Amino acid sequence: MLGVAAVPAQAAQPPVPTVSAETVAASCTSHLETLPIQARTDGYAKGRVYIDDSATPCSGKRIIVGTQTKNRDGSWSPLRGGLHYVPTDEFGFEMEGQWIYAGCGGTARSVYQLGSLTVTGTGYRINC
């Protein structure tokens, strides 16, 4: 008769606490603020985001900062912007997107993305 060796049962390990990406994003976004767009007299605009000086939860995070323009049908264009990494040793500072053409009389807004979270600012009309 062949015997089967008994394998000692292992004690259940306590689960390792994990923090969801959404929780991390939320704790960082409480330190971020969309600012009014910066506009030029030729119809170009760029989005801006301010990070306050207590933004430790944001340290090392990848944030896309950019701009959206309003289409004629009232919808917003896809986010156009650039990737930024939040430094670990900075105090309050601004991050800026890229200049995009919104047109004289057009509307644009500042936007940022942190992971799957997208935060949009107020739309501003470009006067030129």
N, C-alpha and C. Protein backbone atom coordinates (compact mmCIF):
# COMPACT_ATOMS: atom_id res chain seq x y z
N MET A 1 0.83 -1.16 0.00
CA MET A 1 0.00 0.00 0.00
C MET A 1 0.88 1.23 0.00
N LEU A 2 0.61 2.11 -0.90
CA LEU A 2 1.40 3.32 -0.97
C LEU A 2 0.79 4.35 -0.05
N GLY A 3 1.64 4.96 0.72
CA GLY A 3 1.15 5.99 1.63
C GLY A 3 1.36 7.38 1.03
N VAL A 4 0.54 8.28 1.43
CA VAL A 4 0.67 9.66 1.00
C VAL A 4 1.19 10.44 2.18
N ALA A 5 2.30 11.13 1.96
CA ALA A 5 2.89 11.88 3.06
C ALA A 5 1.97 13.04 3.41
N ALA A 6 1.82 13.24 4.69
CA ALA A 6 0.98 14.34 5.15
C ALA A 6 1.76 15.65 5.03
N VAL A 7 1.11 16.64 4.53
CA VAL A 7 1.74 17.95 4.41
C VAL A 7 1.16 18.82 5.52
N PRO A 8 2.04 19.37 6.35
CA PRO A 8 1.50 20.19 7.44
C PRO A 8 0.77 21.43 6.88
N ALA A 9 -0.34 21.72 7.49
CA ALA A 9 -1.12 22.89 7.07
C ALA A 9 -0.37 24.15 7.49
N GLN A 10 -0.35 25.11 6.60
CA GLN A 10 0.30 26.37 6.92
C GLN A 10 -0.71 27.31 7.54
N ALA A 11 -0.23 28.05 8.52
CA ALA A 11 -1.12 29.02 9.17
C ALA A 11 -1.47 30.11 8.16
N ALA A 12 -2.70 30.53 8.18
CA ALA A 12 -3.14 31.58 7.27
C ALA A 12 -2.42 32.88 7.61
N GLN A 13 -1.90 33.50 6.59
CA GLN A 13 -1.20 34.77 6.78
C GLN A 13 -2.22 35.90 6.75
N PRO A 14 -2.03 36.90 7.61
CA PRO A 14 -2.96 38.02 7.55
C PRO A 14 -2.80 38.75 6.22
N PRO A 15 -3.88 39.26 5.68
CA PRO A 15 -3.76 39.95 4.39
C PRO A 15 -2.90 41.20 4.52
N VAL A 16 -2.14 41.45 3.47
CA VAL A 16 -1.31 42.65 3.44
C VAL A 16 -2.22 43.81 3.07
N PRO A 17 -2.23 44.87 3.89
CA PRO A 17 -3.11 45.98 3.55
C PRO A 17 -2.67 46.64 2.25
N THR A 18 -3.61 46.88 1.38
CA THR A 18 -3.30 47.53 0.11
C THR A 18 -4.11 48.82 0.03
N VAL A 19 -3.59 49.75 -0.71
CA VAL A 19 -4.28 51.01 -0.92
C VAL A 19 -4.59 51.09 -2.40
N SER A 20 -5.83 51.32 -2.71
CA SER A 20 -6.23 51.35 -4.12
C SER A 20 -5.66 52.59 -4.81
N ALA A 21 -5.52 52.48 -6.12
CA ALA A 21 -5.03 53.61 -6.91
C ALA A 21 -5.97 54.80 -6.77
N GLU A 22 -7.27 54.51 -6.62
CA GLU A 22 -8.24 55.59 -6.47
C GLU A 22 -8.02 56.35 -5.16
N THR A 23 -7.68 55.62 -4.09
CA THR A 23 -7.43 56.27 -2.80
C THR A 23 -6.19 57.13 -2.89
N VAL A 24 -5.15 56.63 -3.52
CA VAL A 24 -3.92 57.40 -3.69
C VAL A 24 -4.19 58.65 -4.50
N ALA A 25 -4.94 58.50 -5.60
CA ALA A 25 -5.27 59.64 -6.44
C ALA A 25 -6.08 60.67 -5.66
N ALA A 26 -7.04 60.21 -4.87
CA ALA A 26 -7.88 61.14 -4.11
C ALA A 26 -7.07 61.89 -3.07
N SER A 27 -6.13 61.22 -2.41
CA SER A 27 -5.33 61.91 -1.40
C SER A 27 -4.40 62.93 -2.04
N CYS A 28 -3.98 62.69 -3.27
CA CYS A 28 -3.14 63.65 -3.97
C CYS A 28 -3.98 64.80 -4.51
N THR A 29 -5.13 64.49 -5.09
CA THR A 29 -5.91 65.56 -5.72
C THR A 29 -6.40 66.60 -4.73
N SER A 30 -6.45 66.26 -3.45
CA SER A 30 -6.84 67.27 -2.47
C SER A 30 -5.79 68.37 -2.37
N HIS A 31 -4.63 68.16 -2.97
CA HIS A 31 -3.55 69.15 -2.97
C HIS A 31 -3.37 69.81 -4.33
N LEU A 32 -4.22 69.47 -5.29
CA LEU A 32 -4.12 70.02 -6.64
C LEU A 32 -5.30 70.93 -6.92
N GLU A 33 -5.07 71.94 -7.72
CA GLU A 33 -6.14 72.86 -8.08
C GLU A 33 -5.95 73.29 -9.53
N THR A 34 -7.01 73.14 -10.33
CA THR A 34 -6.92 73.66 -11.70
C THR A 34 -6.98 75.17 -11.62
N LEU A 35 -6.20 75.82 -12.45
CA LEU A 35 -6.16 77.27 -12.51
C LEU A 35 -6.79 77.73 -13.82
N PRO A 36 -7.18 79.00 -13.90
CA PRO A 36 -7.67 79.50 -15.19
C PRO A 36 -6.59 79.30 -16.26
N ILE A 37 -7.05 79.06 -17.47
CA ILE A 37 -6.10 78.89 -18.57
C ILE A 37 -5.25 80.14 -18.74
N GLN A 38 -4.12 79.96 -19.36
CA GLN A 38 -3.31 81.10 -19.78
C GLN A 38 -3.59 81.25 -21.28
N ALA A 39 -3.95 82.45 -21.70
CA ALA A 39 -4.33 82.66 -23.10
C ALA A 39 -3.43 83.71 -23.74
N ARG A 40 -3.25 83.57 -25.04
CA ARG A 40 -2.49 84.55 -25.82
C ARG A 40 -3.44 85.27 -26.76
N THR A 41 -2.97 86.38 -27.30
CA THR A 41 -3.82 87.18 -28.20
C THR A 41 -3.99 86.55 -29.58
N ASP A 42 -3.32 85.44 -29.86
CA ASP A 42 -3.48 84.78 -31.16
C ASP A 42 -4.43 83.58 -31.08
N GLY A 43 -5.13 83.43 -29.95
CA GLY A 43 -6.11 82.35 -29.82
C GLY A 43 -5.59 81.07 -29.22
N TYR A 44 -4.33 81.03 -28.82
CA TYR A 44 -3.76 79.84 -28.19
C TYR A 44 -3.96 79.91 -26.68
N ALA A 45 -4.11 78.74 -26.06
CA ALA A 45 -4.30 78.68 -24.62
C ALA A 45 -3.57 77.46 -24.06
N LYS A 46 -3.28 77.50 -22.77
CA LYS A 46 -2.73 76.30 -22.13
C LYS A 46 -3.27 76.20 -20.72
N GLY A 47 -3.49 74.96 -20.31
CA GLY A 47 -4.01 74.69 -18.98
C GLY A 47 -2.92 74.74 -17.94
N ARG A 48 -3.35 75.04 -16.71
CA ARG A 48 -2.40 75.13 -15.59
C ARG A 48 -2.99 74.46 -14.35
N VAL A 49 -2.12 73.87 -13.57
CA VAL A 49 -2.51 73.23 -12.31
C VAL A 49 -1.55 73.68 -11.23
N TYR A 50 -2.10 73.98 -10.05
CA TYR A 50 -1.27 74.38 -8.90
C TYR A 50 -1.22 73.23 -7.91
N ILE A 51 -0.03 72.96 -7.41
CA ILE A 51 0.16 71.96 -6.36
C ILE A 51 0.60 72.70 -5.12
N ASP A 52 -0.12 72.49 -4.01
CA ASP A 52 0.21 73.24 -2.81
C ASP A 52 1.47 72.68 -2.13
N ASP A 53 1.92 73.39 -1.12
CA ASP A 53 3.20 73.05 -0.50
C ASP A 53 3.12 71.89 0.49
N SER A 54 1.95 71.28 0.66
CA SER A 54 1.84 70.12 1.54
C SER A 54 1.46 68.88 0.74
N ALA A 55 1.91 68.84 -0.50
CA ALA A 55 1.47 67.80 -1.43
C ALA A 55 2.30 66.52 -1.34
N THR A 56 2.69 66.12 -0.14
CA THR A 56 3.47 64.90 0.02
C THR A 56 2.82 63.68 -0.62
N PRO A 57 1.48 63.50 -0.52
CA PRO A 57 0.88 62.33 -1.17
C PRO A 57 1.07 62.31 -2.69
N CYS A 58 1.46 63.43 -3.27
CA CYS A 58 1.66 63.50 -4.72
C CYS A 58 3.10 63.21 -5.13
N SER A 59 4.01 63.16 -4.19
CA SER A 59 5.43 63.00 -4.52
C SER A 59 5.68 61.81 -5.43
N GLY A 60 6.36 62.07 -6.53
CA GLY A 60 6.72 61.01 -7.46
C GLY A 60 5.60 60.56 -8.38
N LYS A 61 4.42 61.13 -8.26
CA LYS A 61 3.28 60.71 -9.08
C LYS A 61 3.39 61.29 -10.50
N ARG A 62 2.81 60.55 -11.45
CA ARG A 62 2.75 61.01 -12.84
C ARG A 62 1.41 61.70 -13.05
N ILE A 63 1.47 62.94 -13.46
CA ILE A 63 0.26 63.71 -13.69
C ILE A 63 0.32 64.28 -15.10
N ILE A 64 -0.76 64.12 -15.85
CA ILE A 64 -0.85 64.73 -17.17
C ILE A 64 -1.61 66.04 -17.01
N VAL A 65 -0.97 67.11 -17.38
CA VAL A 65 -1.58 68.44 -17.29
C VAL A 65 -1.79 68.93 -18.71
N GLY A 66 -2.99 69.40 -18.99
CA GLY A 66 -3.25 69.85 -20.35
C GLY A 66 -4.44 70.76 -20.46
N THR A 67 -4.95 70.81 -21.68
CA THR A 67 -6.00 71.75 -22.03
C THR A 67 -7.04 71.04 -22.88
N GLN A 68 -8.28 71.45 -22.72
CA GLN A 68 -9.35 71.02 -23.60
C GLN A 68 -9.99 72.26 -24.19
N THR A 69 -10.44 72.15 -25.43
CA THR A 69 -11.16 73.25 -26.07
C THR A 69 -12.59 72.79 -26.32
N LYS A 70 -13.50 73.74 -26.33
CA LYS A 70 -14.91 73.42 -26.54
C LYS A 70 -15.21 73.40 -28.03
N ASN A 71 -15.85 72.33 -28.47
CA ASN A 71 -16.24 72.18 -29.86
C ASN A 71 -17.53 72.94 -30.14
N ARG A 72 -17.84 73.13 -31.39
CA ARG A 72 -19.05 73.87 -31.77
C ARG A 72 -20.33 73.20 -31.27
N ASP A 73 -20.30 71.87 -31.14
CA ASP A 73 -21.49 71.16 -30.68
C ASP A 73 -21.62 71.15 -29.15
N GLY A 74 -20.69 71.83 -28.46
CA GLY A 74 -20.75 71.90 -27.00
C GLY A 74 -19.93 70.84 -26.28
N SER A 75 -19.44 69.85 -27.02
CA SER A 75 -18.59 68.83 -26.40
C SER A 75 -17.18 69.38 -26.23
N TRP A 76 -16.36 68.67 -25.48
CA TRP A 76 -14.97 69.09 -25.25
C TRP A 76 -14.02 68.19 -26.03
N SER A 77 -12.95 68.78 -26.53
CA SER A 77 -11.93 68.03 -27.28
C SER A 77 -11.22 67.07 -26.34
N PRO A 78 -10.54 66.08 -26.90
CA PRO A 78 -9.72 65.22 -26.04
C PRO A 78 -8.63 66.05 -25.34
N LEU A 79 -8.22 65.59 -24.18
CA LEU A 79 -7.16 66.27 -23.43
C LEU A 79 -5.88 66.27 -24.25
N ARG A 80 -5.28 67.43 -24.39
CA ARG A 80 -3.97 67.54 -25.02
C ARG A 80 -3.04 68.14 -24.00
N GLY A 81 -2.02 67.40 -23.65
CA GLY A 81 -1.14 67.90 -22.61
C GLY A 81 0.15 67.14 -22.53
N GLY A 82 0.84 67.36 -21.45
CA GLY A 82 2.14 66.75 -21.25
C GLY A 82 2.23 66.06 -19.90
N LEU A 83 3.10 65.10 -19.82
CA LEU A 83 3.31 64.33 -18.61
C LEU A 83 4.28 65.05 -17.69
N HIS A 84 3.92 65.11 -16.42
CA HIS A 84 4.77 65.72 -15.40
C HIS A 84 4.96 64.72 -14.27
N TYR A 85 6.10 64.78 -13.62
CA TYR A 85 6.32 64.01 -12.41
C TYR A 85 6.40 65.00 -11.27
N VAL A 86 5.70 64.73 -10.18
CA VAL A 86 5.72 65.65 -9.05
C VAL A 86 7.00 65.40 -8.26
N PRO A 87 7.84 66.42 -8.14
CA PRO A 87 9.08 66.25 -7.39
C PRO A 87 8.80 66.00 -5.91
N THR A 88 9.76 65.44 -5.24
CA THR A 88 9.58 65.13 -3.82
C THR A 88 10.01 66.27 -2.91
N ASP A 89 10.73 67.23 -3.44
CA ASP A 89 11.28 68.26 -2.56
C ASP A 89 10.84 69.67 -2.94
N GLU A 90 9.75 69.79 -3.68
CA GLU A 90 9.28 71.11 -4.08
C GLU A 90 8.21 71.59 -3.13
N PHE A 91 8.11 72.89 -3.02
CA PHE A 91 7.00 73.49 -2.30
C PHE A 91 6.02 73.97 -3.37
N GLY A 92 4.96 74.64 -3.00
CA GLY A 92 3.93 75.02 -3.94
C GLY A 92 4.47 75.47 -5.29
N PHE A 93 3.91 74.95 -6.37
CA PHE A 93 4.36 75.31 -7.71
C PHE A 93 3.27 75.01 -8.72
N GLU A 94 3.44 75.54 -9.93
CA GLU A 94 2.50 75.33 -11.03
C GLU A 94 3.08 74.36 -12.04
N MET A 95 2.18 73.58 -12.65
CA MET A 95 2.54 72.77 -13.80
C MET A 95 1.68 73.27 -14.96
N GLU A 96 2.25 73.31 -16.15
CA GLU A 96 1.54 73.84 -17.31
C GLU A 96 1.46 72.81 -18.41
N GLY A 97 0.36 72.87 -19.16
CA GLY A 97 0.21 72.04 -20.35
C GLY A 97 0.88 72.70 -21.54
N GLN A 98 0.55 72.21 -22.72
CA GLN A 98 1.10 72.76 -23.95
C GLN A 98 0.13 73.77 -24.54
N TRP A 99 0.67 74.71 -25.32
CA TRP A 99 -0.19 75.66 -26.01
C TRP A 99 -0.99 74.94 -27.06
N ILE A 100 -2.31 75.16 -27.09
CA ILE A 100 -3.14 74.61 -28.16
C ILE A 100 -4.04 75.73 -28.70
N TYR A 101 -4.44 75.58 -29.93
CA TYR A 101 -5.25 76.62 -30.56
C TYR A 101 -6.72 76.42 -30.21
N ALA A 102 -7.31 77.44 -29.63
CA ALA A 102 -8.73 77.42 -29.30
C ALA A 102 -9.50 78.42 -30.15
N GLY A 103 -8.79 79.39 -30.71
CA GLY A 103 -9.41 80.41 -31.55
C GLY A 103 -9.90 81.60 -30.76
N CYS A 104 -9.92 82.74 -31.41
CA CYS A 104 -10.45 83.95 -30.77
C CYS A 104 -11.94 83.75 -30.53
N GLY A 105 -12.36 83.97 -29.31
CA GLY A 105 -13.76 83.73 -28.94
C GLY A 105 -14.04 82.30 -28.54
N GLY A 106 -13.05 81.43 -28.67
CA GLY A 106 -13.22 80.03 -28.28
C GLY A 106 -13.17 79.88 -26.76
N THR A 107 -13.45 78.69 -26.29
CA THR A 107 -13.45 78.40 -24.85
C THR A 107 -12.47 77.26 -24.60
N ALA A 108 -11.70 77.41 -23.53
CA ALA A 108 -10.73 76.37 -23.16
C ALA A 108 -10.75 76.20 -21.64
N ARG A 109 -10.27 75.05 -21.18
CA ARG A 109 -10.20 74.80 -19.74
C ARG A 109 -8.97 73.98 -19.40
N SER A 110 -8.53 74.13 -18.16
CA SER A 110 -7.41 73.35 -17.63
C SER A 110 -7.92 71.99 -17.20
N VAL A 111 -7.11 70.97 -17.44
CA VAL A 111 -7.48 69.60 -17.11
C VAL A 111 -6.23 68.88 -16.60
N TYR A 112 -6.43 67.96 -15.64
CA TYR A 112 -5.32 67.06 -15.31
C TYR A 112 -5.83 65.65 -15.09
N GLN A 113 -4.94 64.70 -15.33
CA GLN A 113 -5.24 63.29 -15.11
C GLN A 113 -4.21 62.72 -14.15
N LEU A 114 -4.71 61.95 -13.21
CA LEU A 114 -3.86 61.23 -12.27
C LEU A 114 -4.39 59.81 -12.24
N GLY A 115 -3.68 58.90 -12.89
CA GLY A 115 -4.20 57.54 -13.03
C GLY A 115 -5.47 57.57 -13.86
N SER A 116 -6.53 56.95 -13.35
CA SER A 116 -7.80 56.92 -14.08
C SER A 116 -8.69 58.11 -13.74
N LEU A 117 -8.22 58.99 -12.88
CA LEU A 117 -9.00 60.14 -12.45
C LEU A 117 -8.71 61.34 -13.33
N THR A 118 -9.76 61.98 -13.84
CA THR A 118 -9.63 63.19 -14.65
C THR A 118 -10.37 64.32 -13.95
N VAL A 119 -9.71 65.44 -13.76
CA VAL A 119 -10.32 66.61 -13.12
C VAL A 119 -10.28 67.76 -14.10
N THR A 120 -11.42 68.39 -14.30
CA THR A 120 -11.51 69.50 -15.25
C THR A 120 -11.80 70.80 -14.52
N GLY A 121 -11.24 71.86 -15.06
CA GLY A 121 -11.49 73.18 -14.52
C GLY A 121 -12.66 73.85 -15.23
N THR A 122 -12.86 75.09 -14.90
CA THR A 122 -13.91 75.90 -15.51
C THR A 122 -13.47 76.35 -16.90
N GLY A 123 -14.40 76.40 -17.83
CA GLY A 123 -14.07 76.90 -19.16
C GLY A 123 -14.00 78.41 -19.18
N TYR A 124 -13.02 78.94 -19.91
CA TYR A 124 -12.83 80.39 -20.03
C TYR A 124 -12.81 80.76 -21.51
N ARG A 125 -13.48 81.85 -21.81
CA ARG A 125 -13.52 82.36 -23.17
C ARG A 125 -12.23 83.08 -23.48
N ILE A 126 -11.72 82.87 -24.68
CA ILE A 126 -10.48 83.52 -25.10
C ILE A 126 -10.83 84.77 -25.88
N ASN A 127 -10.46 85.89 -25.32
CA ASN A 127 -10.72 87.19 -25.96
C ASN A 127 -9.47 87.66 -26.68
N CYS A 128 -9.60 87.87 -27.97
CA CYS A 128 -8.46 88.41 -28.72
C CYS A 128 -8.96 89.14 -29.94
